[in-house]
PDB file of N, CA and C in Angstrom:
ATOM      1  N   MET A   1       1.032  -1.210   0.237  1.00  0.00           N
ATOM      2  CA  MET A   1       0.024  -0.314  -0.103  1.00  0.00           C
ATOM      3  C   MET A   1       0.959   1.048  -0.168  1.00  0.00           C
ATOM      4  N   GLN A   2       0.279   2.053  -0.699  1.00  0.00           N
ATOM      5  CA  GLN A   2       1.330   3.686  -0.818  1.00  0.00           C
ATOM      6  C   GLN A   2       1.257   4.123   0.307  1.00  0.00           C
ATOM      7  N   SER A   3       0.313   4.585   0.922  1.00  0.00           N
ATOM      8  CA  SER A   3       0.079   4.996   2.353  1.00  0.00           C
ATOM      9  C   SER A   3       0.785   4.269   3.257  1.00  0.00           C
ATOM     10  N   GLY A   4       0.956   2.785   3.200  1.00  0.00           N
ATOM     11  CA  GLY A   4       0.891   1.568   4.519  1.00  0.00           C
ATOM     12  C   GLY A   4      -0.327   1.455   5.108  1.00  0.00           C
ATOM     13  N   PHE A   5      -1.073   2.116   4.877  1.00  0.00           N
ATOM     14  CA  PHE A   5      -2.093   1.678   5.726  1.00  0.00           C
ATOM     15  C   PHE A   5      -3.338   0.912   4.347  1.00  0.00           C
ATOM     16  N   GLU A   6      -3.317  -0.174   4.923  1.00  0.00           N
ATOM     17  CA  GLU A   6      -4.607  -1.078   4.018  1.00  0.00           C
ATOM     18  C   GLU A   6      -5.518  -0.926   4.419  1.00  0.00           C
ATOM     19  N   LEU A   7      -6.938  -1.217   3.973  1.00  0.00           N
ATOM     20  CA  LEU A   7      -8.147  -1.093   4.280  1.00  0.00           C
ATOM     21  C   LEU A   7      -8.952  -2.799   4.464  1.00  0.00           C
ATOM     22  N   VAL A   8      -9.171  -2.713   5.442  1.00  0.00           N
ATOM     23  CA  VAL A   8      -9.815  -4.065   5.941  1.00  0.00           C
ATOM     24  C   VAL A   8     -11.526  -4.024   6.575  1.00  0.00           C
ATOM     25  N   VAL A   9     -11.880  -4.777   6.335  1.00  0.00           N
ATOM     26  CA  VAL A   9     -13.376  -5.149   6.619  1.00  0.00           C
ATOM     27  C   VAL A   9     -13.851  -6.449   7.370  1.00  0.00           C
ATOM     28  N   THR A  10     -14.595  -6.174   7.826  1.00  0.00           N
ATOM     29  CA  THR A  10     -15.310  -7.458   8.539  1.00  0.00           C
ATOM     30  C   THR A  10     -14.709  -7.419   9.905  1.00  0.00           C
ATOM     31  N   GLY A  11     -15.096  -5.691  10.275  1.00  0.00           N
ATOM     32  CA  GLY A  11     -14.422  -5.544  11.856  1.00  0.00           C
ATOM     33  C   GLY A  11     -12.861  -6.291  12.011  1.00  0.00           C
ATOM     34  N   GLY A  12     -12.231  -5.769  10.707  1.00  0.00           N
ATOM     35  CA  GLY A  12     -10.709  -5.563  10.864  1.00  0.00           C
ATOM     36  C   GLY A  12     -10.277  -6.894  10.647  1.00  0.00           C
ATOM     37  N   THR A  13     -10.789  -7.919  10.452  1.00  0.00           N
ATOM     38  CA  THR A  13     -10.344  -9.033  10.050  1.00  0.00           C
ATOM     39  C   THR A  13      -9.957  -9.659   8.570  1.00  0.00           C
ATOM     40  N   ARG A  14     -10.635  -8.805   7.214  1.00  0.00           N
ATOM     41  CA  ARG A  14     -10.214  -9.718   6.749  1.00  0.00           C
ATOM     42  C   ARG A  14      -9.932  -8.170   5.446  1.00  0.00           C
ATOM     43  N   PRO A  15      -8.602  -8.268   4.927  1.00  0.00           N
ATOM     44  CA  PRO A  15      -7.751  -7.021   4.140  1.00  0.00           C
ATOM     45  C   PRO A  15      -8.478  -6.910   2.624  1.00  0.00           C
ATOM     46  N   VAL A  16      -8.570  -6.235   1.943  1.00  0.00           N
ATOM     47  CA  VAL A  16      -9.452  -6.349   0.958  1.00  0.00           C
ATOM     48  C   VAL A  16      -8.525  -5.999  -0.191  1.00  0.00           C
ATOM     49  N   GLY A  17      -6.664  -5.873  -0.027  1.00  0.00           N
ATOM     50  CA  GLY A  17      -5.576  -5.223  -0.944  1.00  0.00           C
ATOM     51  C   GLY A  17      -6.104  -4.069  -1.382  1.00  0.00           C
ATOM     52  N   ARG A  18      -6.823  -2.782  -0.815  1.00  0.00           N
ATOM     53  CA  ARG A  18      -6.784  -1.452  -1.264  1.00  0.00           C
ATOM     54  C   ARG A  18      -6.111  -0.664  -0.288  1.00  0.00           C
ATOM     55  N   ASP A  19      -5.805   0.651  -0.679  1.00  0.00           N
ATOM     56  CA  ASP A  19      -4.970   1.379   0.327  1.00  0.00           C
ATOM     57  C   ASP A  19      -5.893   2.569   0.854  1.00  0.00           C
ATOM     58  N   ALA A  20      -5.976   2.165   2.128  1.00  0.00           N
ATOM     59  CA  ALA A  20      -7.068   2.755   2.763  1.00  0.00           C
ATOM     60  C   ALA A  20      -7.179   4.349   2.761  1.00  0.00           C
ATOM     61  N   VAL A  21      -6.349   5.194   2.395  1.00  0.00           N
ATOM     62  CA  VAL A  21      -6.061   6.670   1.747  1.00  0.00           C
ATOM     63  C   VAL A  21      -6.549   6.786   0.583  1.00  0.00           C
ATOM     64  N   GLU A  22      -6.549   5.967  -0.157  1.00  0.00           N
ATOM     65  CA  GLU A  22      -7.030   5.942  -1.452  1.00  0.00           C
ATOM     66  C   GLU A  22      -9.013   5.535  -1.178  1.00  0.00           C
ATOM     67  N   TRP A  23      -8.626   4.769  -0.775  1.00  0.00           N
ATOM     68  CA  TRP A  23     -10.255   4.280  -0.695  1.00  0.00           C
ATOM     69  C   TRP A  23     -11.109   5.836   0.101  1.00  0.00           C
ATOM     70  N   ALA A  24     -10.189   6.641   0.930  1.00  0.00           N
ATOM     71  CA  ALA A  24     -10.874   7.757   1.218  1.00  0.00           C
ATOM     72  C   ALA A  24     -11.528   9.016   0.886  1.00  0.00           C
ATOM     73  N   ARG A  25     -10.130   8.853  -0.281  1.00  0.00           N
ATOM     74  CA  ARG A  25     -10.555   9.892  -1.558  1.00  0.00           C
ATOM     75  C   ARG A  25     -11.609   9.736  -2.379  1.00  0.00           C
ATOM     76  N   GLN A  26     -11.455   8.112  -2.485  1.00  0.00           N
ATOM     77  CA  GLN A  26     -12.911   7.803  -3.289  1.00  0.00           C
ATOM     78  C   GLN A  26     -14.096   8.051  -2.689  1.00  0.00           C
ATOM     79  N   CYS A  27     -14.000   7.932  -1.447  1.00  0.00           N
ATOM     80  CA  CYS A  27     -15.720   8.129  -0.599  1.00  0.00           C
ATOM     81  C   CYS A  27     -15.879   9.419  -0.947  1.00  0.00           C
ATOM     82  N   GLU A  28     -15.292  10.672  -0.526  1.00  0.00           N
ATOM     83  CA  GLU A  28     -15.256  11.437  -0.805  1.00  0.00           C
ATOM     84  C   GLU A  28     -15.875  11.750  -2.552  1.00  0.00           C
ATOM     85  N   ALA A  29     -14.963  11.621  -3.059  1.00  0.00           N
ATOM     86  CA  ALA A  29     -15.469  11.502  -4.358  1.00  0.00           C
ATOM     87  C   ALA A  29     -16.980  11.370  -4.582  1.00  0.00           C
ATOM     88  N   LEU A  30     -17.293  10.573  -4.327  1.00  0.00           N
ATOM     89  CA  LEU A  30     -18.502   9.491  -4.512  1.00  0.00           C
ATOM     90  C   LEU A  30     -19.252  10.500  -3.358  1.00  0.00           C
ATOM     91  N   GLY A  31     -18.956  11.571  -2.353  1.00  0.00           N
ATOM     92  CA  GLY A  31     -20.061  12.063  -1.458  1.00  0.00           C
ATOM     93  C   GLY A  31     -19.922  12.376  -0.008  1.00  0.00           C
ATOM     94  N   ALA A  32     -19.069  11.188   0.114  1.00  0.00           N
ATOM     95  CA  ALA A  32     -19.380  11.120   1.410  1.00  0.00           C
ATOM     96  C   ALA A  32     -19.255  12.979   2.348  1.00  0.00           C
ATOM     97  N   GLY A  33     -19.513  12.770   3.717  1.00  0.00           N
ATOM     98  CA  GLY A  33     -19.573  14.264   3.918  1.00  0.00           C
ATOM     99  C   GLY A  33     -18.408  13.955   5.071  1.00  0.00           C
ATOM    100  N   VAL A  34     -18.498  13.064   5.553  1.00  0.00           N
ATOM    101  CA  VAL A  34     -17.718  13.011   6.726  1.00  0.00           C
ATOM    102  C   VAL A  34     -17.134  11.675   7.008  1.00  0.00           C
ATOM    103  N   LEU A  35     -16.038  11.295   7.129  1.00  0.00           N
ATOM    104  CA  LEU A  35     -15.629   9.611   7.174  1.00  0.00           C
ATOM    105  C   LEU A  35     -14.856   9.528   8.459  1.00  0.00           C
ATOM    106  N   LEU A  36     -15.418   8.042   8.651  1.00  0.00           N
ATOM    107  CA  LEU A  36     -14.750   7.874  10.028  1.00  0.00           C
ATOM    108  C   LEU A  36     -14.174   6.386  10.004  1.00  0.00           C
ATOM    109  N   PRO A  37     -12.386   6.633   9.524  1.00  0.00           N
ATOM    110  CA  PRO A  37     -11.423   5.679   9.518  1.00  0.00           C
ATOM    111  C   PRO A  37     -11.369   5.372  10.949  1.00  0.00           C
ATOM    112  N   THR A  38     -11.149   3.596  11.448  1.00  0.00           N
ATOM    113  CA  THR A  38     -10.942   3.674  12.878  1.00  0.00           C
ATOM    114  C   THR A  38     -10.121   2.867  12.716  1.00  0.00           C
ATOM    115  N   SER A  39      -8.746   2.743  13.386  1.00  0.00           N
ATOM    116  CA  SER A  39      -7.451   1.994  13.341  1.00  0.00           C
ATOM    117  C   SER A  39      -7.573   0.917  13.815  1.00  0.00           C
ATOM    118  N   MET A  40      -7.959  -0.234  13.269  1.00  0.00           N
ATOM    119  CA  MET A  40      -8.000  -1.865  14.179  1.00  0.00           C
ATOM    120  C   MET A  40      -7.269  -2.036  14.943  1.00  0.00           C
ATOM    121  N   ASP A  41      -5.990  -1.537  14.708  1.00  0.00           N
ATOM    122  CA  ASP A  41      -5.087  -1.452  15.949  1.00  0.00           C
ATOM    123  C   ASP A  41      -5.280  -1.012  17.226  1.00  0.00           C
ATOM    124  N   GLY A  42      -5.747   0.146  16.879  1.00  0.00           N
ATOM    125  CA  GLY A  42      -5.870   0.775  18.401  1.00  0.00           C
ATOM    126  C   GLY A  42      -7.362   0.726  18.967  1.00  0.00           C
ATOM    127  N   ASP A  43      -7.999   0.301  17.948  1.00  0.00           N
ATOM    128  CA  ASP A  43      -9.489   0.003  18.635  1.00  0.00           C
ATOM    129  C   ASP A  43      -9.894  -0.680  20.077  1.00  0.00           C
ATOM    130  N   GLY A  44      -9.990   0.332  21.239  1.00  0.00           N
ATOM    131  CA  GLY A  44     -10.236  -0.437  22.216  1.00  0.00           C
ATOM    132  C   GLY A  44      -8.937  -0.597  23.003  1.00  0.00           C
ATOM    133  N   THR A  45      -8.005  -0.190  22.723  1.00  0.00           N
ATOM    134  CA  THR A  45      -6.826  -0.456  23.782  1.00  0.00           C
ATOM    135  C   THR A  45      -6.594   0.647  24.507  1.00  0.00           C
ATOM    136  N   GLN A  46      -7.070   2.169  24.321  1.00  0.00           N
ATOM    137  CA  GLN A  46      -6.920   3.260  25.282  1.00  0.00           C
ATOM    138  C   GLN A  46      -5.289   3.585  25.432  1.00  0.00           C
ATOM    139  N   ALA A  47      -4.831   3.400  24.166  1.00  0.00           N
ATOM    140  CA  ALA A  47      -3.271   3.347  24.188  1.00  0.00           C
ATOM    141  C   ALA A  47      -2.973   4.795  22.925  1.00  0.00           C
ATOM    142  N   GLY A  48      -4.173   5.225  22.771  1.00  0.00           N
ATOM    143  CA  GLY A  48      -3.895   6.677  21.984  1.00  0.00           C
ATOM    144  C   GLY A  48      -4.659   6.423  20.510  1.00  0.00           C
ATOM    145  N   TYR A  49      -5.245   7.167  20.280  1.00  0.00           N
ATOM    146  CA  TYR A  49      -5.141   7.043  18.493  1.00  0.00           C
ATOM    147  C   TYR A  49      -4.058   7.150  17.661  1.00  0.00           C
ATOM    148  N   ASP A  50      -4.428   6.580  16.554  1.00  0.00           N
ATOM    149  CA  ASP A  50      -3.332   6.162  15.458  1.00  0.00           C
ATOM    150  C   ASP A  50      -3.128   7.271  14.852  1.00  0.00           C
ATOM    151  N   LEU A  51      -2.445   8.549  15.417  1.00  0.00           N
ATOM    152  CA  LEU A  51      -2.299  10.209  14.923  1.00  0.00           C
ATOM    153  C   LEU A  51      -1.828   9.940  13.443  1.00  0.00           C
ATOM    154  N   GLU A  52      -0.931   8.932  13.028  1.00  0.00           N
ATOM    155  CA  GLU A  52      -0.298   8.897  11.743  1.00  0.00           C
ATOM    156  C   GLU A  52      -1.191   8.389  10.603  1.00  0.00           C
ATOM    157  N   PHE A  53      -2.406   7.643  11.058  1.00  0.00           N
ATOM    158  CA  PHE A  53      -3.347   6.870  10.199  1.00  0.00           C
ATOM    159  C   PHE A  53      -4.251   8.269  10.230  1.00  0.00           C
ATOM    160  N   THR A  54      -4.700   8.657  11.253  1.00  0.00           N
ATOM    161  CA  THR A  54      -5.674   9.769  11.003  1.00  0.00           C
ATOM    162  C   THR A  54      -5.239  11.130  10.171  1.00  0.00           C
ATOM    163  N   ARG A  55      -4.017  11.554  10.391  1.00  0.00           N
ATOM    164  CA  ARG A  55      -3.505  12.578   9.644  1.00  0.00           C
ATOM    165  C   ARG A  55      -3.424  12.216   8.332  1.00  0.00           C
ATOM    166  N   SER A  56      -2.766  11.196   7.769  1.00  0.00           N
ATOM    167  CA  SER A  56      -2.972  10.787   6.375  1.00  0.00           C
ATOM    168  C   SER A  56      -4.216  11.071   5.824  1.00  0.00           C
ATOM    169  N   ILE A  57      -5.146  10.333   6.432  1.00  0.00           N
ATOM    170  CA  ILE A  57      -6.493  10.382   5.805  1.00  0.00           C
ATOM    171  C   ILE A  57      -6.813  11.937   5.724  1.00  0.00           C
ATOM    172  N   SER A  58      -6.571  12.519   6.975  1.00  0.00           N
ATOM    173  CA  SER A  58      -6.817  14.370   6.963  1.00  0.00           C
ATOM    174  C   SER A  58      -6.472  15.071   5.700  1.00  0.00           C
ATOM    175  N   ASP A  59      -5.063  14.353   5.644  1.00  0.00           N
ATOM    176  CA  ASP A  59      -4.227  15.138   4.698  1.00  0.00           C
ATOM    177  C   ASP A  59      -4.744  15.169   3.400  1.00  0.00           C
ATOM    178  N   ALA A  60      -5.327  14.085   2.751  1.00  0.00           N
ATOM    179  CA  ALA A  60      -6.123  13.464   1.594  1.00  0.00           C
ATOM    180  C   ALA A  60      -7.294  13.391   1.410  1.00  0.00           C
ATOM    181  N   VAL A  61      -8.119  14.422   2.140  1.00  0.00           N
ATOM    182  CA  VAL A  61      -9.607  14.852   1.822  1.00  0.00           C
ATOM    183  C   VAL A  61      -9.784  16.131   2.317  1.00  0.00           C
ATOM    184  N   GLY A  62     -10.811  16.678   1.557  1.00  0.00           N
ATOM    185  CA  GLY A  62     -11.022  18.062   2.418  1.00  0.00           C
ATOM    186  C   GLY A  62     -12.678  17.995   3.065  1.00  0.00           C
ATOM    187  N   VAL A  63     -13.026  16.929   3.427  1.00  0.00           N
ATOM    188  CA  VAL A  63     -13.996  16.611   4.361  1.00  0.00           C
ATOM    189  C   VAL A  63     -13.845  16.350   5.913  1.00  0.00           C
ATOM    190  N   PRO A  64     -14.772  16.506   6.695  1.00  0.00           N
ATOM    191  CA  PRO A  64     -14.012  16.264   8.170  1.00  0.00           C
ATOM    192  C   PRO A  64     -13.694  14.519   8.455  1.00  0.00           C
ATOM    193  N   VAL A  65     -12.966  14.826   9.298  1.00  0.00           N
ATOM    194  CA  VAL A  65     -12.017  13.217   9.870  1.00  0.00           C
ATOM    195  C   VAL A  65     -12.657  12.754  11.087  1.00  0.00           C
ATOM    196  N   VAL A  66     -13.019  11.550  11.520  1.00  0.00           N
ATOM    197  CA  VAL A  66     -13.313  11.306  13.064  1.00  0.00           C
ATOM    198  C   VAL A  66     -12.072  10.440  13.552  1.00  0.00           C
ATOM    199  N   ALA A  67     -11.512  11.046  14.393  1.00  0.00           N
ATOM    200  CA  ALA A  67     -10.983  10.117  15.039  1.00  0.00           C
ATOM    201  C   ALA A  67     -11.095   8.734  15.785  1.00  0.00           C
ATOM    202  N   SER A  68     -10.888   7.962  15.671  1.00  0.00           N
ATOM    203  CA  SER A  68     -11.345   6.642  15.989  1.00  0.00           C
ATOM    204  C   SER A  68     -10.463   5.252  16.348  1.00  0.00           C
ATOM    205  N   GLY A  69     -10.840   4.995  17.540  1.00  0.00           N
ATOM    206  CA  GLY A  69     -10.051   4.174  17.782  1.00  0.00           C
ATOM    207  C   GLY A  69      -9.108   3.817  18.756  1.00  0.00           C
ATOM    208  N   GLY A  70      -8.725   3.972  20.071  1.00  0.00           N
ATOM    209  CA  GLY A  70      -7.817   4.295  20.905  1.00  0.00           C
ATOM    210  C   GLY A  70      -7.579   4.937  22.184  1.00  0.00           C
ATOM    211  N   ALA A  71      -8.376   6.172  22.625  1.00  0.00           N
ATOM    212  CA  ALA A  71      -8.787   7.212  23.265  1.00  0.00           C
ATOM    213  C   ALA A  71      -8.557   6.631  24.658  1.00  0.00           C
ATOM    214  N   GLY A  72      -7.373   6.805  25.604  1.00  0.00           N
ATOM    215  CA  GLY A  72      -7.464   6.472  26.559  1.00  0.00           C
ATOM    216  C   GLY A  72      -6.977   7.356  27.753  1.00  0.00           C
ATOM    217  N   LYS A  73      -6.493   8.829  27.450  1.00  0.00           N
ATOM    218  CA  LYS A  73      -6.262   9.860  28.718  1.00  0.00           C
ATOM    219  C   LYS A  73      -6.727  10.709  27.878  1.00  0.00           C
ATOM    220  N   LEU A  74      -7.062  12.312  28.639  1.00  0.00           N
ATOM    221  CA  LEU A  74      -7.369  13.189  28.237  1.00  0.00           C
ATOM    222  C   LEU A  74      -6.099  14.005  26.968  1.00  0.00           C
ATOM    223  N   GLU A  75      -5.110  13.570  27.401  1.00  0.00           N
ATOM    224  CA  GLU A  75      -4.080  14.138  26.223  1.00  0.00           C
ATOM    225  C   GLU A  75      -4.245  13.872  24.867  1.00  0.00           C
ATOM    226  N   ASP A  76      -5.237  12.542  24.932  1.00  0.00           N
ATOM    227  CA  ASP A  76      -5.073  11.741  23.434  1.00  0.00           C
ATOM    228  C   ASP A  76      -6.382  12.224  22.557  1.00  0.00           C
ATOM    229  N   PHE A  77      -7.045  13.036  23.417  1.00  0.00           N
ATOM    230  CA  PHE A  77      -8.074  13.813  22.361  1.00  0.00           C
ATOM    231  C   PHE A  77      -7.464  15.170  22.105  1.00  0.00           C
ATOM    232  N   SER A  78      -6.797  16.012  22.336  1.00  0.00           N
ATOM    233  CA  SER A  78      -6.357  17.148  21.981  1.00  0.00           C
ATOM    234  C   SER A  78      -5.156  16.709  20.791  1.00  0.00           C
ATOM    235  N   GLU A  79      -4.478  15.380  21.301  1.00  0.00           N
ATOM    236  CA  GLU A  79      -3.451  14.913  20.498  1.00  0.00           C
ATOM    237  C   GLU A  79      -3.616  14.426  18.836  1.00  0.00           C
ATOM    238  N   ALA A  80      -5.123  14.160  19.043  1.00  0.00           N
ATOM    239  CA  ALA A  80      -5.841  13.857  17.870  1.00  0.00           C
ATOM    240  C   ALA A  80      -6.371  14.818  16.800  1.00  0.00           C
ATOM    241  N   VAL A  81      -6.698  16.623  17.741  1.00  0.00           N
ATOM    242  CA  VAL A  81      -6.707  16.895  16.744  1.00  0.00           C
ATOM    243  C   VAL A  81      -5.706  17.970  16.323  1.00  0.00           C
ATOM    244  N   VAL A  82      -4.579  18.444  17.317  1.00  0.00           N
ATOM    245  CA  VAL A  82      -3.603  19.175  16.743  1.00  0.00           C
ATOM    246  C   VAL A  82      -2.433  17.895  15.925  1.00  0.00           C
ATOM    247  N   ARG A  83      -2.425  16.771  16.321  1.00  0.00           N
ATOM    248  CA  ARG A  83      -1.209  16.122  15.188  1.00  0.00           C
ATOM    249  C   ARG A  83      -2.141  15.276  14.492  1.00  0.00           C
ATOM    250  N   GLY A  84      -3.022  14.629  14.418  1.00  0.00           N
ATOM    251  CA  GLY A  84      -4.141  14.031  13.833  1.00  0.00           C
ATOM    252  C   GLY A  84      -4.709  14.649  12.606  1.00  0.00           C
ATOM    253  N   LYS A  85      -5.271  15.915  13.040  1.00  0.00           N
ATOM    254  CA  LYS A  85      -5.843  16.778  12.147  1.00  0.00           C
ATOM    255  C   LYS A  85      -7.236  16.322  12.107  1.00  0.00           C
ATOM    256  N   ALA A  86      -8.021  15.756  13.052  1.00  0.00           N
ATOM    257  CA  ALA A  86      -8.913  15.556  13.105  1.00  0.00           C
ATOM    258  C   ALA A  86     -10.019  16.330  13.387  1.00  0.00           C
ATOM    259  N   ALA A  87     -11.094  16.368  12.912  1.00  0.00           N
ATOM    260  CA  ALA A  87     -12.277  17.482  13.424  1.00  0.00           C
ATOM    261  C   ALA A  87     -13.319  17.130  14.232  1.00  0.00           C
ATOM    262  N   ILE A  88     -13.460  15.440  14.098  1.00  0.00           N
ATOM    263  CA  ILE A  88     -14.418  15.109  15.006  1.00  0.00           C
ATOM    264  C   ILE A  88     -14.018  13.821  16.077  1.00  0.00           C
ATOM    265  N   LEU A  89     -14.218  13.960  17.405  1.00  0.00           N
ATOM    266  CA  LEU A  89     -13.581  12.722  17.931  1.00  0.00           C
ATOM    267  C   LEU A  89     -14.403  11.712  18.714  1.00  0.00           C
ATOM    268  N   LEU A  90     -14.309  10.308  18.549  1.00  0.00           N
ATOM    269  CA  LEU A  90     -15.019   9.349  18.893  1.00  0.00           C
ATOM    270  C   LEU A  90     -14.104   8.288  20.054  1.00  0.00           C
ATOM    271  N   ALA A  91     -14.808   8.278  20.874  1.00  0.00           N
ATOM    272  CA  ALA A  91     -14.347   7.485  22.089  1.00  0.00           C
ATOM    273  C   ALA A  91     -15.574   6.896  22.856  1.00  0.00           C
ATOM    274  N   ALA A  92     -15.346   5.330  23.314  1.00  0.00           N
ATOM    275  CA  ALA A  92     -16.592   4.481  23.833  1.00  0.00           C
ATOM    276  C   ALA A  92     -16.004   4.071  25.259  1.00  0.00           C
ATOM    277  N   SER A  93     -14.926   3.293  25.599  1.00  0.00           N
ATOM    278  CA  SER A  93     -14.411   2.549  26.389  1.00  0.00           C
ATOM    279  C   SER A  93     -14.148   3.328  27.802  1.00  0.00           C
ATOM    280  N   VAL A  94     -13.542   4.129  27.407  1.00  0.00           N
ATOM    281  CA  VAL A  94     -12.913   5.668  28.293  1.00  0.00           C
ATOM    282  C   VAL A  94     -14.250   6.131  29.252  1.00  0.00           C
ATOM    283  N   PHE A  95     -15.598   6.294  28.227  1.00  0.00           N
ATOM    284  CA  PHE A  95     -16.885   6.740  28.626  1.00  0.00           C
ATOM    285  C   PHE A  95     -17.477   5.430  29.475  1.00  0.00           C
ATOM    286  N   HIS A  96     -17.227   4.626  28.727  1.00  0.00           N
ATOM    287  CA  HIS A  96     -17.968   3.177  29.232  1.00  0.00           C
ATOM    288  C   HIS A  96     -17.731   2.727  30.636  1.00  0.00           C
ATOM    289  N   PHE A  97     -16.231   2.623  30.880  1.00  0.00           N
ATOM    290  CA  PHE A  97     -15.788   2.286  32.160  1.00  0.00           C
ATOM    291  C   PHE A  97     -15.530   3.192  33.216  1.00  0.00           C
ATOM    292  N   ARG A  98     -16.194   4.586  32.636  1.00  0.00           N
ATOM    293  CA  ARG A  98     -16.102   5.644  33.584  1.00  0.00           C
ATOM    294  C   ARG A  98     -14.913   6.333  33.647  1.00  0.00           C
ATOM    295  N   ILE A  99     -13.479   5.853  32.773  1.00  0.00           N
ATOM    296  CA  ILE A  99     -12.234   6.602  33.229  1.00  0.00           C
ATOM    297  C   ILE A  99     -12.303   8.279  33.094  1.00  0.00           C
ATOM    298  N   LEU A 100     -13.062   8.184  32.120  1.00  0.00           N
ATOM    299  CA  LEU A 100     -12.881  10.040  31.744  1.00  0.00           C
ATOM    300  C   LEU A 100     -14.621   9.942  32.176  1.00  0.00           C
ATOM    301  N   SER A 101     -14.797  11.194  32.021  1.00  0.00           N
ATOM    302  CA  SER A 101     -16.395  11.592  31.345  1.00  0.00           C
ATOM    303  C   SER A 101     -16.738  12.725  30.234  1.00  0.00           C
ATOM    304  N   ILE A 102     -17.413  12.639  29.616  1.00  0.00           N
ATOM    305  CA  ILE A 102     -17.661  13.587  28.646  1.00  0.00           C
ATOM    306  C   ILE A 102     -16.907  15.134  28.964  1.00  0.00           C
ATOM    307  N   ARG A 103     -17.566  15.572  29.852  1.00  0.00           N
ATOM    308  CA  ARG A 103     -17.483  16.879  30.709  1.00  0.00           C
ATOM    309  C   ARG A 103     -15.808  16.957  30.692  1.00  0.00           C
ATOM    310  N   GLN A 104     -15.417  16.150  31.371  1.00  0.00           N
ATOM    311  CA  GLN A 104     -13.755  16.118  31.722  1.00  0.00           C
ATOM    312  C   GLN A 104     -13.158  16.351  30.413  1.00  0.00           C
ATOM    313  N   VAL A 105     -13.500  15.777  29.354  1.00  0.00           N
ATOM    314  CA  VAL A 105     -12.924  15.860  27.918  1.00  0.00           C
ATOM    315  C   VAL A 105     -12.957  17.131  27.148  1.00  0.00           C
ATOM    316  N   LYS A 106     -14.563  17.710  27.199  1.00  0.00           N
ATOM    317  CA  LYS A 106     -14.638  18.743  26.652  1.00  0.00           C
ATOM    318  C   LYS A 106     -13.833  19.801  27.340  1.00  0.00           C
ATOM    319  N   GLU A 107     -14.139  19.895  28.942  1.00  0.00           N
ATOM    320  CA  GLU A 107     -13.317  21.007  29.541  1.00  0.00           C
ATOM    321  C   GLU A 107     -11.904  21.304  29.153  1.00  0.00           C
ATOM    322  N   TYR A 108     -11.278  20.010  29.636  1.00  0.00           N
ATOM    323  CA  TYR A 108      -9.743  20.159  29.156  1.00  0.00           C
ATOM    324  C   TYR A 108      -9.285  20.594  27.506  1.00  0.00           C
ATOM    325  N   LEU A 109     -10.289  19.869  26.423  1.00  0.00           N
ATOM    326  CA  LEU A 109      -9.945  20.693  25.356  1.00  0.00           C
ATOM    327  C   LEU A 109      -9.914  21.880  24.979  1.00  0.00           C
ATOM    328  N   ARG A 110     -11.160  22.505  25.946  1.00  0.00           N
ATOM    329  CA  ARG A 110     -11.422  24.022  25.975  1.00  0.00           C
ATOM    330  C   ARG A 110      -9.844  24.914  26.465  1.00  0.00           C
ATOM    331  N   LEU A 111      -9.550  24.288  27.013  1.00  0.00           N
ATOM    332  CA  LEU A 111      -8.568  24.793  28.148  1.00  0.00           C
ATOM    333  C   LEU A 111      -7.002  24.526  27.322  1.00  0.00           C
ATOM    334  N   GLN A 112      -7.100  23.698  26.266  1.00  0.00           N
ATOM    335  CA  GLN A 112      -6.089  23.524  25.209  1.00  0.00           C
ATOM    336  C   GLN A 112      -6.266  24.518  24.427  1.00  0.00           C
ATOM    337  N   GLY A 113      -7.311  25.204  24.163  1.00  0.00           N
ATOM    338  CA  GLY A 113      -7.958  26.137  22.921  1.00  0.00           C
ATOM    339  C   GLY A 113      -8.750  25.482  21.665  1.00  0.00           C
ATOM    340  N   ILE A 114      -9.136  24.465  21.963  1.00  0.00           N
ATOM    341  CA  ILE A 114      -9.457  23.507  20.808  1.00  0.00           C
ATOM    342  C   ILE A 114     -11.275  23.995  21.224  1.00  0.00           C
ATOM    343  N   GLU A 115     -11.757  24.385  20.033  1.00  0.00           N
ATOM    344  CA  GLU A 115     -13.414  24.337  20.166  1.00  0.00           C
ATOM    345  C   GLU A 115     -14.076  23.421  20.316  1.00  0.00           C
ATOM    346  N   VAL A 116     -15.068  23.454  20.786  1.00  0.00           N
ATOM    347  CA  VAL A 116     -15.810  22.148  21.417  1.00  0.00           C
ATOM    348  C   VAL A 116     -17.617  22.475  21.189  1.00  0.00           C
ATOM    349  N   LEU A 117     -18.046  21.903  20.584  1.00  0.00           N
ATOM    350  CA  LEU A 117     -19.365  22.218  20.935  1.00  0.00           C
ATOM    351  C   LEU A 117     -20.170  21.713  22.006  1.00  0.00           C
ATOM    352  N   PRO A 118     -21.247  22.700  22.418  1.00  0.00           N
ATOM    353  CA  PRO A 118     -21.744  22.539  23.599  1.00  0.00           C
ATOM    354  C   PRO A 118     -22.267  21.058  23.773  1.00  0.00           C
TER     355      PRO A 118
END
């Protein structure tokens, strides 16, 4: 894969031999208004978003990109915006397991100077 990221399907279990960044470009060309690429290597790990993956997609398209897969601490959220160029942040396990609250994340991001919707 030219970008180094291969598209996988079926919950990340089946590689399809396509470049994920090129696929993102095609999705945008077909009319997608937002892209939600998930790093299956990071999903559920709470080890941080795959910033290189997210940024590769963000740099390749003109639509908002969602950071998904791996948030575990407050800094992960700001890094996804600053370094990963994500426009939207998705997280699940940190909220399900009450490691962080949505309020905590929003307050932290505001303190970092990142715009947050109410």
